[in-house]
C-alpha atoms as a PDB file:
ATOM      1  CA  MET A   1      13.671   7.877  -0.514  1.00  0.00           C
ATOM      2  CA  ARG A   2      10.167   9.157   0.116  1.00  0.00           C
ATOM      3  CA  ILE A   3       8.738   8.494   3.575  1.00  0.00           C
ATOM      4  CA  GLY A   4       5.048   8.070   4.324  1.00  0.00           C
ATOM      5  CA  TYR A   5       2.317   6.399   6.317  1.00  0.00           C
ATOM      6  CA  PRO A   6      -0.973   4.634   5.582  1.00  0.00           C
ATOM      7  CA  CYS A   7      -4.529   5.854   5.235  1.00  0.00           C
ATOM      8  CA  ILE A   8      -5.294   8.037   8.267  1.00  0.00           C
ATOM      9  CA  ASN A   9      -3.913  11.308   9.586  1.00  0.00           C
ATOM     10  CA  TRP A  10      -4.706  12.107  13.213  1.00  0.00           C
ATOM     11  CA  SER A  11      -3.794  15.806  12.903  1.00  0.00           C
ATOM     12  CA  VAL A  12      -6.100  17.226  10.229  1.00  0.00           C
ATOM     13  CA  GLY A  13      -9.486  16.755  11.921  1.00  0.00           C
ATOM     14  CA  CYS A  14     -10.825  14.060   9.600  1.00  0.00           C
ATOM     15  CA  LYS A  15      -9.887  10.490   8.680  1.00  0.00           C
ATOM     16  CA  GLY A  16     -11.146  10.104   5.115  1.00  0.00           C
ATOM     17  CA  ASP A  17     -12.552   6.618   5.661  1.00  0.00           C
ATOM     18  CA  ARG A  18     -16.185   7.363   6.434  1.00  0.00           C
ATOM     19  CA  THR A  19     -18.495   4.500   5.596  1.00  0.00           C
ATOM     20  CA  PHE A  20     -21.955   3.188   6.480  1.00  0.00           C
ATOM     21  CA  ARG A  21     -23.819  -0.085   6.787  1.00  0.00           C
ATOM     22  CA  LEU A  22     -24.852  -1.981   3.687  1.00  0.00           C
ATOM     23  CA  LYS A  23     -28.509  -1.925   4.754  1.00  0.00           C
ATOM     24  CA  SER A  24     -28.301   1.882   4.795  1.00  0.00           C
ATOM     25  CA  TYR A  25     -26.993   2.112   1.235  1.00  0.00           C
ATOM     26  CA  SER A  26     -28.398   4.786  -1.007  1.00  0.00           C
ATOM     27  CA  GLU A  27     -26.901   6.831  -3.814  1.00  0.00           C
ATOM     28  CA  GLU A  28     -27.435   9.992  -1.789  1.00  0.00           C
ATOM     29  CA  ARG A  29     -25.530   8.568   1.173  1.00  0.00           C
ATOM     30  CA  LEU A  30     -22.763   7.291  -1.095  1.00  0.00           C
ATOM     31  CA  ILE A  31     -22.356  10.687  -2.760  1.00  0.00           C
ATOM     32  CA  ASP A  32     -22.228  12.486   0.584  1.00  0.00           C
ATOM     33  CA  THR A  33     -19.685  10.008   1.983  1.00  0.00           C
ATOM     34  CA  VAL A  34     -17.390  10.033  -1.041  1.00  0.00           C
ATOM     35  CA  ARG A  35     -17.485  13.830  -1.184  1.00  0.00           C
ATOM     36  CA  SER A  36     -16.429  13.967   2.470  1.00  0.00           C
ATOM     37  CA  ASN A  37     -13.707  11.327   2.047  1.00  0.00           C
ATOM     38  CA  LEU A  38     -12.229  13.050  -0.999  1.00  0.00           C
ATOM     39  CA  ALA A  39     -12.161  16.403   0.785  1.00  0.00           C
ATOM     40  CA  CYS A  40     -10.330  14.769   3.682  1.00  0.00           C
ATOM     41  CA  LEU A  41      -7.898  13.055   1.311  1.00  0.00           C
ATOM     42  CA  CYS A  42      -6.985  16.445  -0.126  1.00  0.00           C
ATOM     43  CA  SER A  43      -6.447  17.823   3.392  1.00  0.00           C
ATOM     44  CA  MET A  44      -4.120  14.934   4.205  1.00  0.00           C
ATOM     45  CA  LEU A  45      -2.193  15.380   0.961  1.00  0.00           C
ATOM     46  CA  ARG A  46      -1.677  19.079   1.698  1.00  0.00           C
ATOM     47  CA  TYR A  47      -0.484  18.260   5.217  1.00  0.00           C
ATOM     48  CA  ASN A  48       1.899  15.616   3.898  1.00  0.00           C
ATOM     49  CA  ALA A  49       3.387  17.875   1.236  1.00  0.00           C
ATOM     50  CA  ALA A  50       3.959  20.626   3.785  1.00  0.00           C
ATOM     51  CA  HIS A  51       5.737  18.203   6.141  1.00  0.00           C
ATOM     52  CA  ASP A  52       7.987  16.402   3.643  1.00  0.00           C
ATOM     53  CA  MET A  53       5.990  13.154   3.686  1.00  0.00           C
ATOM     54  CA  LEU A  54       5.829  12.263   0.013  1.00  0.00           C
ATOM     55  CA  PHE A  55       4.459   8.733   0.174  1.00  0.00           C
ATOM     56  CA  PHE A  56       0.845   8.027   1.119  1.00  0.00           C
ATOM     57  CA  ARG A  57      -1.362   4.946   1.108  1.00  0.00           C
ATOM     58  CA  ILE A  58      -4.984   5.805   0.323  1.00  0.00           C
ATOM     59  CA  THR A  59      -7.621   4.001   2.357  1.00  0.00           C
ATOM     60  CA  SER A  60      -9.615   1.263   0.648  1.00  0.00           C
ATOM     61  CA  ASP A  61     -12.740   2.808   2.226  1.00  0.00           C
ATOM     62  CA  LEU A  62     -12.552   5.921   0.053  1.00  0.00           C
ATOM     63  CA  VAL A  63     -15.637   4.754  -1.893  1.00  0.00           C
ATOM     64  CA  PRO A  64     -17.735   2.454   0.317  1.00  0.00           C
ATOM     65  CA  PHE A  65     -19.206  -0.644  -1.364  1.00  0.00           C
ATOM     66  CA  ALA A  66     -17.674   0.309  -4.705  1.00  0.00           C
ATOM     67  CA  SER A  67     -17.022  -3.343  -5.613  1.00  0.00           C
ATOM     68  CA  HIS A  68     -20.331  -4.619  -4.200  1.00  0.00           C
ATOM     69  CA  SER A  69     -23.217  -5.448  -6.510  1.00  0.00           C
ATOM     70  CA  VAL A  70     -25.406  -2.953  -4.644  1.00  0.00           C
ATOM     71  CA  CYS A  71     -23.341  -0.087  -6.046  1.00  0.00           C
ATOM     72  CA  ARG A  72     -24.506   0.745  -9.560  1.00  0.00           C
ATOM     73  CA  PHE A  73     -23.759   4.447  -9.302  1.00  0.00           C
ATOM     74  CA  ASP A  74     -21.064   5.823 -11.613  1.00  0.00           C
ATOM     75  CA  TRP A  75     -18.950   7.412  -8.884  1.00  0.00           C
ATOM     76  CA  VAL A  76     -15.964   7.745 -11.221  1.00  0.00           C
ATOM     77  CA  ALA A  77     -17.907  10.070 -13.519  1.00  0.00           C
ATOM     78  CA  ARG A  78     -19.647  11.922 -10.673  1.00  0.00           C
ATOM     79  CA  PHE A  79     -16.357  12.772  -8.953  1.00  0.00           C
ATOM     80  CA  ALA A  80     -14.097  12.906 -12.003  1.00  0.00           C
ATOM     81  CA  SER A  81     -13.030  16.485 -11.322  1.00  0.00           C
ATOM     82  CA  SER A  82     -12.256  15.822  -7.641  1.00  0.00           C
ATOM     83  CA  PHE A  83     -10.201  12.736  -8.429  1.00  0.00           C
ATOM     84  CA  SER A  84      -8.360  14.575 -11.197  1.00  0.00           C
ATOM     85  CA  ASP A  85      -7.563  17.491  -8.886  1.00  0.00           C
ATOM     86  CA  ALA A  86      -6.243  15.145  -6.176  1.00  0.00           C
ATOM     87  CA  GLY A  87      -4.077  13.342  -8.712  1.00  0.00           C
ATOM     88  CA  ALA A  88      -2.738  16.603 -10.116  1.00  0.00           C
ATOM     89  CA  TYR A  89      -1.809  17.712  -6.606  1.00  0.00           C
ATOM     90  CA  THR A  90       0.195  14.540  -5.979  1.00  0.00           C
ATOM     91  CA  ARG A  91       2.051  14.945  -9.263  1.00  0.00           C
ATOM     92  CA  ASP A  92       2.744  18.642  -8.700  1.00  0.00           C
ATOM     93  CA  HIS A  93       4.161  17.954  -5.233  1.00  0.00           C
ATOM     94  CA  GLY A  94       6.028  14.721  -5.982  1.00  0.00           C
ATOM     95  CA  ILE A  95       3.804  12.577  -3.765  1.00  0.00           C
ATOM     96  CA  ARG A  96       3.688   8.859  -4.500  1.00  0.00           C
ATOM     97  CA  ILE A  97       0.415   7.009  -3.899  1.00  0.00           C
ATOM     98  CA  SER A  98      -0.305   3.366  -3.128  1.00  0.00           C
ATOM     99  CA  MET A  99      -3.241   1.285  -1.905  1.00  0.00           C
ATOM    100  CA  HIS A 100      -3.496  -1.956   0.076  1.00  0.00           C
ATOM    101  CA  PRO A 101      -6.797  -3.893  -0.082  1.00  0.00           C
ATOM    102  CA  ASP A 102      -8.056  -5.678   3.003  1.00  0.00           C
ATOM    103  CA  GLN A 103      -7.199  -9.263   3.881  1.00  0.00           C
ATOM    104  CA  PHE A 104     -10.335 -10.637   2.220  1.00  0.00           C
ATOM    105  CA  VAL A 105      -8.695 -10.042  -1.182  1.00  0.00           C
ATOM    106  CA  LEU A 106      -7.348 -13.514  -1.893  1.00  0.00           C
ATOM    107  CA  LEU A 107      -6.315 -14.248  -5.457  1.00  0.00           C
ATOM    108  CA  ASN A 108      -5.274 -17.788  -4.551  1.00  0.00           C
ATOM    109  CA  SER A 109      -8.473 -18.836  -2.787  1.00  0.00           C
ATOM    110  CA  PRO A 110      -9.849 -22.259  -3.815  1.00  0.00           C
ATOM    111  CA  SER A 111     -13.264 -20.576  -3.898  1.00  0.00           C
ATOM    112  CA  GLU A 112     -14.207 -19.110  -7.259  1.00  0.00           C
ATOM    113  CA  GLU A 113     -16.689 -16.832  -5.481  1.00  0.00           C
ATOM    114  CA  VAL A 114     -13.972 -15.402  -3.219  1.00  0.00           C
ATOM    115  CA  THR A 115     -11.706 -14.986  -6.224  1.00  0.00           C
ATOM    116  CA  ALA A 116     -14.391 -13.120  -8.168  1.00  0.00           C
ATOM    117  CA  ARG A 117     -15.008 -10.759  -5.243  1.00  0.00           C
ATOM    118  CA  SER A 118     -11.264 -10.236  -4.883  1.00  0.00           C
ATOM    119  CA  ILE A 119     -10.842  -9.315  -8.526  1.00  0.00           C
ATOM    120  CA  ALA A 120     -13.803  -6.928  -8.306  1.00  0.00           C
ATOM    121  CA  GLU A 121     -12.153  -5.247  -5.311  1.00  0.00           C
ATOM    122  CA  LEU A 122      -8.853  -4.950  -7.166  1.00  0.00           C
ATOM    123  CA  ALA A 123     -10.677  -3.395 -10.121  1.00  0.00           C
ATOM    124  CA  TYR A 124     -12.170  -0.794  -7.746  1.00  0.00           C
ATOM    125  CA  HIS A 125      -8.702   0.136  -6.477  1.00  0.00           C
ATOM    126  CA  VAL A 126      -7.491   0.474 -10.059  1.00  0.00           C
ATOM    127  CA  ASP A 127     -10.479   2.709 -10.821  1.00  0.00           C
ATOM    128  CA  VAL A 128      -9.441   5.049  -7.991  1.00  0.00           C
ATOM    129  CA  LEU A 129      -5.838   5.336  -9.180  1.00  0.00           C
ATOM    130  CA  ASP A 130      -6.867   5.655 -12.824  1.00  0.00           C
ATOM    131  CA  ALA A 131      -9.416   8.356 -11.933  1.00  0.00           C
ATOM    132  CA  MET A 132      -6.575  10.274 -10.286  1.00  0.00           C
ATOM    133  CA  GLY A 133      -4.598   9.986 -13.515  1.00  0.00           C
ATOM    134  CA  LEU A 134      -1.659   8.308 -11.789  1.00  0.00           C
ATOM    135  CA  GLY A 135       1.072   6.359 -13.561  1.00  0.00           C
ATOM    136  CA  ALA A 136       2.140   2.762 -13.117  1.00  0.00           C
ATOM    137  CA  ASP A 137       4.218   3.666 -10.048  1.00  0.00           C
ATOM    138  CA  ALA A 138       0.962   4.014  -8.055  1.00  0.00           C
ATOM    139  CA  LYS A 139       0.766   0.443  -6.823  1.00  0.00           C
ATOM    140  CA  ILE A 140      -1.823  -1.870  -5.257  1.00  0.00           C
ATOM    141  CA  GLN A 141      -0.195  -4.060  -2.642  1.00  0.00           C
ATOM    142  CA  ILE A 142      -1.456  -7.561  -1.826  1.00  0.00           C
ATOM    143  CA  HIS A 143      -0.253 -10.705  -0.075  1.00  0.00           C
ATOM    144  CA  VAL A 144       0.040 -14.113  -1.707  1.00  0.00           C
ATOM    145  CA  GLY A 145      -2.884 -15.328   0.397  1.00  0.00           C
ATOM    146  CA  GLY A 146      -3.597 -18.566   2.242  1.00  0.00           C
ATOM    147  CA  ALA A 147      -1.870 -21.928   2.092  1.00  0.00           C
ATOM    148  CA  TYR A 148      -5.113 -23.939   2.182  1.00  0.00           C
ATOM    149  CA  GLY A 149      -3.275 -27.113   3.174  1.00  0.00           C
ATOM    150  CA  ASP A 150      -1.010 -27.156   0.118  1.00  0.00           C
ATOM    151  CA  ARG A 151       1.444 -24.285  -0.251  1.00  0.00           C
ATOM    152  CA  ALA A 152       2.681 -25.368  -3.694  1.00  0.00           C
ATOM    153  CA  ARG A 153      -0.817 -25.547  -5.159  1.00  0.00           C
ATOM    154  CA  SER A 154      -1.727 -22.245  -3.511  1.00  0.00           C
ATOM    155  CA  VAL A 155       1.276 -20.539  -5.114  1.00  0.00           C
ATOM    156  CA  LYS A 156       0.355 -22.034  -8.481  1.00  0.00           C
ATOM    157  CA  ARG A 157      -3.209 -20.745  -8.122  1.00  0.00           C
ATOM    158  CA  PHE A 158      -1.876 -17.267  -7.394  1.00  0.00           C
ATOM    159  CA  ILE A 159       0.335 -17.362 -10.481  1.00  0.00           C
ATOM    160  CA  ASP A 160      -2.456 -18.698 -12.718  1.00  0.00           C
ATOM    161  CA  ARG A 161      -4.968 -16.138 -11.470  1.00  0.00           C
ATOM    162  CA  PHE A 162      -2.478 -13.272 -11.738  1.00  0.00           C
ATOM    163  CA  GLN A 163      -1.677 -14.154 -15.331  1.00  0.00           C
ATOM    164  CA  ARG A 164      -5.383 -14.109 -16.234  1.00  0.00           C
ATOM    165  CA  LEU A 165      -6.019 -10.677 -14.747  1.00  0.00           C
ATOM    166  CA  ASP A 166      -6.829  -7.707 -16.939  1.00  0.00           C
ATOM    167  CA  ASP A 167      -3.720  -5.739 -17.940  1.00  0.00           C
ATOM    168  CA  ARG A 168      -4.928  -2.635 -16.102  1.00  0.00           C
ATOM    169  CA  ILE A 169      -4.909  -4.599 -12.831  1.00  0.00           C
ATOM    170  CA  ARG A 170      -1.659  -6.450 -13.450  1.00  0.00           C
ATOM    171  CA  ARG A 171       0.306  -3.252 -14.163  1.00  0.00           C
ATOM    172  CA  ARG A 172      -0.508  -1.939 -10.696  1.00  0.00           C
ATOM    173  CA  LEU A 173      -0.200  -5.066  -8.540  1.00  0.00           C
ATOM    174  CA  VAL A 174       2.738  -5.737  -6.240  1.00  0.00           C
ATOM    175  CA  VAL A 175       3.102  -8.657  -3.834  1.00  0.00           C
ATOM    176  CA  GLU A 176       4.367  -8.412  -0.262  1.00  0.00           C
ATOM    177  CA  ASN A 177       6.107 -11.008   1.898  1.00  0.00           C
ATOM    178  CA  ASP A 178       4.145 -11.880   5.025  1.00  0.00           C
ATOM    179  CA  ASP A 179       5.124 -13.129   8.485  1.00  0.00           C
ATOM    180  CA  ARG A 180       3.257 -16.455   8.555  1.00  0.00           C
ATOM    181  CA  LEU A 181       3.145 -18.302   5.236  1.00  0.00           C
ATOM    182  CA  PHE A 182       4.916 -16.729   2.279  1.00  0.00           C
ATOM    183  CA  GLY A 183       8.252 -15.033   2.875  1.00  0.00           C
ATOM    184  CA  LEU A 184      10.543 -13.103   0.608  1.00  0.00           C
ATOM    185  CA  THR A 185      11.887 -16.237  -1.121  1.00  0.00           C
ATOM    186  CA  ASP A 186       8.339 -17.314  -2.027  1.00  0.00           C
ATOM    187  CA  CYS A 187       7.505 -13.871  -3.403  1.00  0.00           C
ATOM    188  CA  LEU A 188      10.699 -13.795  -5.457  1.00  0.00           C
ATOM    189  CA  ALA A 189       9.787 -17.148  -7.011  1.00  0.00           C
ATOM    190  CA  ILE A 190       6.312 -15.837  -7.867  1.00  0.00           C
ATOM    191  CA  SER A 191       7.856 -12.718  -9.364  1.00  0.00           C
ATOM    192  CA  ALA A 192      10.159 -14.824 -11.530  1.00  0.00           C
ATOM    193  CA  ASP A 193       7.087 -16.491 -13.072  1.00  0.00           C
ATOM    194  CA  THR A 194       4.830 -13.449 -13.332  1.00  0.00           C
ATOM    195  CA  GLY A 195       6.966 -10.301 -13.339  1.00  0.00           C
ATOM    196  CA  VAL A 196       5.054  -8.900 -10.368  1.00  0.00           C
ATOM    197  CA  PRO A 197       7.260  -6.546  -8.304  1.00  0.00           C
ATOM    198  CA  VAL A 198       7.957  -7.553  -4.702  1.00  0.00           C
ATOM    199  CA  VAL A 199       7.302  -5.164  -1.809  1.00  0.00           C
ATOM    200  CA  PHE A 200       9.809  -5.938   0.918  1.00  0.00           C
ATOM    201  CA  ASP A 201       8.398  -5.831   4.450  1.00  0.00           C
ATOM    202  CA  TRP A 202      11.355  -5.689   6.829  1.00  0.00           C
ATOM    203  CA  PHE A 203       9.228  -6.346   9.913  1.00  0.00           C
ATOM    204  CA  HIS A 204       7.712  -9.486   8.406  1.00  0.00           C
ATOM    205  CA  HIS A 205      11.111 -10.615   7.162  1.00  0.00           C
ATOM    206  CA  GLN A 206      12.460 -10.599  10.705  1.00  0.00           C
ATOM    207  CA  ILE A 207       9.758 -13.111  11.646  1.00  0.00           C
ATOM    208  CA  LEU A 208       9.680 -15.294   8.513  1.00  0.00           C
ATOM    209  CA  SER A 209      12.660 -15.486   6.164  1.00  0.00           C
ATOM    210  CA  SER A 210      15.299 -17.696   4.625  1.00  0.00           C
ATOM    211  CA  GLY A 211      17.980 -15.839   6.537  1.00  0.00           C
ATOM    212  CA  GLN A 212      18.819 -13.053   4.090  1.00  0.00           C
ATOM    213  CA  PRO A 213      20.308 -10.024   5.899  1.00  0.00           C
ATOM    214  CA  LEU A 214      18.693  -6.636   5.247  1.00  0.00           C
ATOM    215  CA  PRO A 215      21.031  -5.397   2.461  1.00  0.00           C
ATOM    216  CA  GLU A 216      20.751  -8.665   0.539  1.00  0.00           C
ATOM    217  CA  ALA A 217      16.976  -8.831   0.976  1.00  0.00           C
ATOM    218  CA  LEU A 218      16.568  -5.250  -0.231  1.00  0.00           C
ATOM    219  CA  GLY A 219      18.665  -5.964  -3.295  1.00  0.00           C
ATOM    220  CA  LEU A 220      16.712  -9.102  -4.156  1.00  0.00           C
ATOM    221  CA  ALA A 221      13.374  -7.341  -3.847  1.00  0.00           C
ATOM    222  CA  ALA A 222      14.600  -4.305  -5.794  1.00  0.00           C
ATOM    223  CA  SER A 223      15.662  -6.528  -8.694  1.00  0.00           C
ATOM    224  CA  THR A 224      11.983  -7.310  -9.389  1.00  0.00           C
ATOM    225  CA  TRP A 225      11.091  -3.660 -10.089  1.00  0.00           C
ATOM    226  CA  ALA A 226      11.205  -2.242 -13.625  1.00  0.00           C
ATOM    227  CA  PRO A 227      11.845   1.481 -14.250  1.00  0.00           C
ATOM    228  CA  GLU A 228       8.174   2.101 -15.067  1.00  0.00           C
ATOM    229  CA  ASP A 229       7.194   0.682 -11.646  1.00  0.00           C
ATOM    230  CA  GLY A 230       8.967   3.511  -9.828  1.00  0.00           C
ATOM    231  CA  ALA A 231      11.270   3.087  -6.861  1.00  0.00           C
ATOM    232  CA  PRO A 232      10.934  -0.181  -4.918  1.00  0.00           C
ATOM    233  CA  ILE A 233       8.518  -0.005  -1.989  1.00  0.00           C
ATOM    234  CA  VAL A 234       9.631  -1.087   1.476  1.00  0.00           C
ATOM    235  CA  ASP A 235       7.378  -1.451   4.522  1.00  0.00           C
ATOM    236  CA  TYR A 236       8.813  -0.706   7.935  1.00  0.00           C
ATOM    237  CA  SER A 237       7.613  -1.203  11.494  1.00  0.00           C
ATOM    238  CA  SER A 238       8.939  -2.488  14.789  1.00  0.00           C
ATOM    239  CA  GLN A 239       7.607  -4.944  17.336  1.00  0.00           C
ATOM    240  CA  LEU A 240       5.001  -3.836  19.873  1.00  0.00           C
ATOM    241  CA  PRO A 241       6.595  -4.652  23.254  1.00  0.00           C
ATOM    242  CA  HIS A 242       5.060  -7.431  25.329  1.00  0.00           C
ATOM    243  CA  SER A 243       2.777  -8.538  22.492  1.00  0.00           C
ATOM    244  CA  ARG A 244       2.625 -11.444  20.076  1.00  0.00           C
ATOM    245  CA  PRO A 245       5.307 -11.461  17.356  1.00  0.00           C
ATOM    246  CA  GLY A 246       4.088  -9.470  14.386  1.00  0.00           C
ATOM    247  CA  SER A 247       2.158  -6.832  16.346  1.00  0.00           C
ATOM    248  CA  HIS A 248       2.974  -3.374  14.999  1.00  0.00           C
ATOM    249  CA  ALA A 249       4.352  -0.797  17.407  1.00  0.00           C
ATOM    250  CA  GLU A 250       2.209   2.098  18.589  1.00  0.00           C
ATOM    251  CA  SER A 251       5.037   4.576  17.932  1.00  0.00           C
ATOM    252  CA  ILE A 252       8.333   4.469  16.083  1.00  0.00           C
ATOM    253  CA  ASP A 253      11.383   3.062  17.871  1.00  0.00           C
ATOM    254  CA  MET A 254      13.967   5.632  16.819  1.00  0.00           C
ATOM    255  CA  ALA A 255      16.965   3.490  17.758  1.00  0.00           C
ATOM    256  CA  ASP A 256      15.611   0.655  15.614  1.00  0.00           C
ATOM    257  CA  PHE A 257      14.814   3.058  12.757  1.00  0.00           C
ATOM    258  CA  ASP A 258      18.285   4.562  12.904  1.00  0.00           C
ATOM    259  CA  GLU A 259      19.778   1.061  12.626  1.00  0.00           C
ATOM    260  CA  PHE A 260      17.461   0.247   9.718  1.00  0.00           C
ATOM    261  CA  LEU A 261      18.564   3.340   7.797  1.00  0.00           C
ATOM    262  CA  ALA A 262      22.232   2.575   8.396  1.00  0.00           C
ATOM    263  CA  LYS A 263      21.958  -1.050   7.295  1.00  0.00           C
ATOM    264  CA  SER A 264      19.773  -0.305   4.255  1.00  0.00           C
ATOM    265  CA  HIS A 265      22.517   1.557   2.375  1.00  0.00           C
ATOM    266  CA  PRO A 266      23.130   1.816  -0.533  1.00  0.00           C
ATOM    267  CA  HIS A 267      19.657   0.806  -1.684  1.00  0.00           C
ATOM    268  CA  ASP A 268      17.098   3.351  -2.894  1.00  0.00           C
ATOM    269  CA  PHE A 269      13.424   2.823  -2.085  1.00  0.00           C
ATOM    270  CA  ASP A 270      10.251   4.541  -0.906  1.00  0.00           C
ATOM    271  CA  LEU A 271       9.426   3.755   2.718  1.00  0.00           C
ATOM    272  CA  MET A 272       5.969   3.112   4.156  1.00  0.00           C
ATOM    273  CA  LEU A 273       5.819   3.289   7.959  1.00  0.00           C
ATOM    274  CA  GLU A 274       3.207   0.819   9.209  1.00  0.00           C
ATOM    275  CA  ILE A 275       3.055   2.315  12.689  1.00  0.00           C
ATOM    276  CA  LYS A 276      -0.165   2.969  14.552  1.00  0.00           C
ATOM    277  CA  ASP A 277       0.250   6.668  15.337  1.00  0.00           C
ATOM    278  CA  LYS A 278       0.651   7.365  11.617  1.00  0.00           C
ATOM    279  CA  GLU A 279       1.938  10.871  10.819  1.00  0.00           C
ATOM    280  CA  VAL A 280       3.229  11.354  14.372  1.00  0.00           C
ATOM    281  CA  SER A 281       5.886   8.698  13.821  1.00  0.00           C
ATOM    282  CA  ALA A 282       6.337   9.687  10.185  1.00  0.00           C
ATOM    283  CA  LEU A 283       7.321  13.202  11.274  1.00  0.00           C
ATOM    284  CA  LYS A 284       9.978  11.747  13.568  1.00  0.00           C
ATOM    285  CA  ALA A 285      11.246   9.488  10.780  1.00  0.00           C
ATOM    286  CA  VAL A 286      11.444  12.422   8.367  1.00  0.00           C
ATOM    287  CA  ALA A 287      13.430  14.456  10.903  1.00  0.00           C
ATOM    288  CA  LYS A 288      15.887  11.592  11.269  1.00  0.00           C
ATOM    289  CA  ALA A 289      16.117  10.885   7.540  1.00  0.00           C
ATOM    290  CA  ARG A 290      16.987  14.471   6.589  1.00  0.00           C
ATOM    291  CA  SER A 291      20.647  13.618   7.132  1.00  0.00           C
ATOM    292  CA  ASP A 292      20.376  10.655   4.725  1.00  0.00           C
ATOM    293  CA  ALA A 293      21.393  11.568   1.180  1.00  0.00           C
ATOM    294  CA  ARG A 294      18.609   9.369  -0.181  1.00  0.00           C
ATOM    295  CA  PHE A 295      15.830  11.406   1.445  1.00  0.00           C
ATOM    296  CA  ILE A 296      13.551  13.401  -0.880  1.00  0.00           C
ATOM    297  CA  PRO A 297      12.146  16.553   0.761  1.00  0.00           C
ATOM    298  CA  GLY A 298       8.855  18.218  -0.075  1.00  0.00           C
ATOM    299  CA  GLU A 299       7.664  21.806   0.122  1.00  0.00           C
ATOM    300  CA  SER A 300       9.197  22.446   3.544  1.00  0.00           C
ATOM    301  CA  GLY A 301      12.551  20.922   2.610  1.00  0.00           C
END
């Protein structure tokens, strides 16, 4: 069990998601921004390795406007050495990488224009992971999408679109249950038709599910992962008090996390903490998980 957090580290003095307005686009600005973001990514990876956090979700803003038609610059070639070095560092230190495009990536949209933009964005994410030289266990996590007034047709559109994707995109995609429209059971049905692995989000499952308890749900999701996909990915958070259901907590609830670890046995997985204070909570989770035989330590372990 690797433990990690998404996108931003509040402790290293940079965030790695610098961007700029579309009207300000220039190749010079893009080069400067990507150089800065990649340097910050390497700082975060070093911090994570030194603190036993071996799972990290890279921000989608690493290369601003990469999937937009305005960007005709070959950023993959320009930064090939930097991407290769970052990828080599993750491999050398046993760090697993994932990405999670924004909500505007909707494979099942009725709009062909939205679908085309979504596929272009997925191709950008694949370019990042390929440039880092990462294997098929470096995944790109998406949701099923919208219902658009007809859930069955929306699921069918997702399946049809997924099956038409380029192989290099399909091998990296994983689908996550959400808390409003498509729960674990829906994702399992999609996986049965497509082979796409299912990321299990425990927080979402507590809001929208077919009643499967945690151990059963983990087992069902894990059954969709092939050996080449790596360990199953699980997302974890807890409810922000006094807020609408589905709001992620500002900081980890250690009593809730302790219960989650206890109930999740005997399943193996890599755990992404979707908690707002990022590495602060991840450090607490790592400290707690050291007594769990599943935990994989890094340099400091």
